[in-house]
Amino acid sequence: MAESKSYTTGHEIKSILINIASALLFILPVAAYFYMEHAKEMIAGVAASFALAYIAPPMGWMRPHPYSDMPGNRPKQS
């Protein structure tokens, strides 16, 4: 019987956190324009979201990739 290979769906937590942080970064200028009194808090929120995305496993700035040459950067297989 053929062995089924598991594959990544692209829904790893690191990928999702990077997508959210990037979306917040693109929304920041518009939100800061309309709510100038909260601009520093919004900038801190975007910085915190990128920090959270950075420390999510696998640690680092790269998104998990199934064909990565670095074993630590491959997504976890279920």
C-alpha atoms as a PDB file:
ATOM      1  CA  MET A   1       0.000   0.000   0.000  1.00  0.00           C
ATOM      2  CA  ALA A   2       1.331   3.439  -0.907  1.00  0.00           C
ATOM      3  CA  GLU A   3       2.356   5.663   1.933  1.00  0.00           C
ATOM      4  CA  SER A   4       0.496   8.960   1.985  1.00  0.00           C
ATOM      5  CA  LYS A   5       2.694  12.031   2.260  1.00  0.00           C
ATOM      6  CA  SER A   6       1.589  14.849   4.473  1.00  0.00           C
ATOM      7  CA  TYR A   7       1.887  18.328   3.035  1.00  0.00           C
ATOM      8  CA  THR A   8       1.723  21.814   4.355  1.00  0.00           C
ATOM      9  CA  THR A   9      -1.438  23.851   3.883  1.00  0.00           C
ATOM     10  CA  GLY A  10       0.254  27.188   4.456  1.00  0.00           C
ATOM     11  CA  HIS A  11      -1.620  27.696   7.708  1.00  0.00           C
ATOM     12  CA  GLU A  12       1.360  27.498  10.047  1.00  0.00           C
ATOM     13  CA  ILE A  13       1.156  29.909  12.965  1.00  0.00           C
ATOM     14  CA  LYS A  14       4.275  31.784  11.800  1.00  0.00           C
ATOM     15  CA  SER A  15       2.778  32.394   8.337  1.00  0.00           C
ATOM     16  CA  ILE A  16      -0.458  33.658   9.839  1.00  0.00           C
ATOM     17  CA  LEU A  17       1.366  35.987  12.255  1.00  0.00           C
ATOM     18  CA  ILE A  18       3.517  37.406   9.438  1.00  0.00           C
ATOM     19  CA  ASN A  19       0.376  38.026   7.346  1.00  0.00           C
ATOM     20  CA  ILE A  20      -1.378  39.807  10.225  1.00  0.00           C
ATOM     21  CA  ALA A  21       1.674  41.946  11.036  1.00  0.00           C
ATOM     22  CA  SER A  22       2.066  42.916   7.376  1.00  0.00           C
ATOM     23  CA  ALA A  23      -1.614  43.842   7.094  1.00  0.00           C
ATOM     24  CA  LEU A  24      -1.312  46.035  10.194  1.00  0.00           C
ATOM     25  CA  LEU A  25       1.734  47.725   8.688  1.00  0.00           C
ATOM     26  CA  PHE A  26      -0.211  48.612   5.527  1.00  0.00           C
ATOM     27  CA  ILE A  27      -3.202  49.885   7.544  1.00  0.00           C
ATOM     28  CA  LEU A  28      -1.031  51.966   9.908  1.00  0.00           C
ATOM     29  CA  PRO A  29      -0.599  55.127   7.753  1.00  0.00           C
ATOM     30  CA  VAL A  30      -4.329  55.464   7.107  1.00  0.00           C
ATOM     31  CA  ALA A  31      -5.247  54.790  10.727  1.00  0.00           C
ATOM     32  CA  ALA A  32      -2.570  57.204  11.968  1.00  0.00           C
ATOM     33  CA  TYR A  33      -3.887  59.900   9.621  1.00  0.00           C
ATOM     34  CA  PHE A  34      -7.416  59.660  10.975  1.00  0.00           C
ATOM     35  CA  TYR A  35      -6.482  59.044  14.628  1.00  0.00           C
ATOM     36  CA  MET A  36      -3.347  61.158  15.191  1.00  0.00           C
ATOM     37  CA  GLU A  37      -3.807  61.160  18.970  1.00  0.00           C
ATOM     38  CA  HIS A  38      -3.307  57.362  19.022  1.00  0.00           C
ATOM     39  CA  ALA A  39      -0.454  57.167  16.496  1.00  0.00           C
ATOM     40  CA  LYS A  40       2.227  56.133  19.021  1.00  0.00           C
ATOM     41  CA  GLU A  41       0.055  53.333  20.389  1.00  0.00           C
ATOM     42  CA  MET A  42      -0.673  52.067  16.873  1.00  0.00           C
ATOM     43  CA  ILE A  43       3.036  52.112  15.996  1.00  0.00           C
ATOM     44  CA  ALA A  44       3.771  50.174  19.189  1.00  0.00           C
ATOM     45  CA  GLY A  45       1.072  47.656  18.257  1.00  0.00           C
ATOM     46  CA  VAL A  46       2.563  47.093  14.819  1.00  0.00           C
ATOM     47  CA  ALA A  47       6.045  46.715  16.328  1.00  0.00           C
ATOM     48  CA  ALA A  48       4.696  44.221  18.860  1.00  0.00           C
ATOM     49  CA  SER A  49       2.984  42.209  16.126  1.00  0.00           C
ATOM     50  CA  PHE A  50       6.249  41.958  14.182  1.00  0.00           C
ATOM     51  CA  ALA A  51       8.119  40.990  17.374  1.00  0.00           C
ATOM     52  CA  LEU A  52       5.557  38.251  18.013  1.00  0.00           C
ATOM     53  CA  ALA A  53       5.881  37.008  14.428  1.00  0.00           C
ATOM     54  CA  TYR A  54       9.674  36.977  14.800  1.00  0.00           C
ATOM     55  CA  ILE A  55       9.737  34.849  17.950  1.00  0.00           C
ATOM     56  CA  ALA A  56       7.084  32.375  16.774  1.00  0.00           C
ATOM     57  CA  PRO A  57       8.575  28.980  15.923  1.00  0.00           C
ATOM     58  CA  PRO A  58      10.651  28.494  13.859  1.00  0.00           C
ATOM     59  CA  MET A  59      12.502  31.459  15.367  1.00  0.00           C
ATOM     60  CA  GLY A  60      13.690  34.062  12.889  1.00  0.00           C
ATOM     61  CA  TRP A  61      12.503  36.289  10.112  1.00  0.00           C
ATOM     62  CA  MET A  62      11.862  33.631   7.444  1.00  0.00           C
ATOM     63  CA  ARG A  63       8.499  32.066   6.716  1.00  0.00           C
ATOM     64  CA  PRO A  64       8.406  28.240   7.030  1.00  0.00           C
ATOM     65  CA  HIS A  65       8.906  26.604   3.663  1.00  0.00           C
ATOM     66  CA  PRO A  66       8.475  22.882   2.913  1.00  0.00           C
ATOM     67  CA  TYR A  67      11.425  22.796   0.487  1.00  0.00           C
ATOM     68  CA  SER A  68      13.832  24.772   2.678  1.00  0.00           C
ATOM     69  CA  ASP A  69      17.468  23.674   2.779  1.00  0.00           C
ATOM     70  CA  MET A  70      17.480  24.407   6.499  1.00  0.00           C
ATOM     71  CA  PRO A  71      15.713  21.649   8.454  1.00  0.00           C
ATOM     72  CA  GLY A  72      14.779  24.087  11.236  1.00  0.00           C
ATOM     73  CA  ASN A  73      12.819  26.248   8.788  1.00  0.00           C
ATOM     74  CA  ARG A  74      10.554  23.471   7.496  1.00  0.00           C
ATOM     75  CA  PRO A  75       6.956  23.435   8.724  1.00  0.00           C
ATOM     76  CA  LYS A  76       6.033  20.818  11.292  1.00  0.00           C
ATOM     77  CA  GLN A  77       4.395  17.790   9.695  1.00  0.00           C
ATOM     78  CA  SER A  78       1.321  16.385  11.386  1.00  0.00           C
END
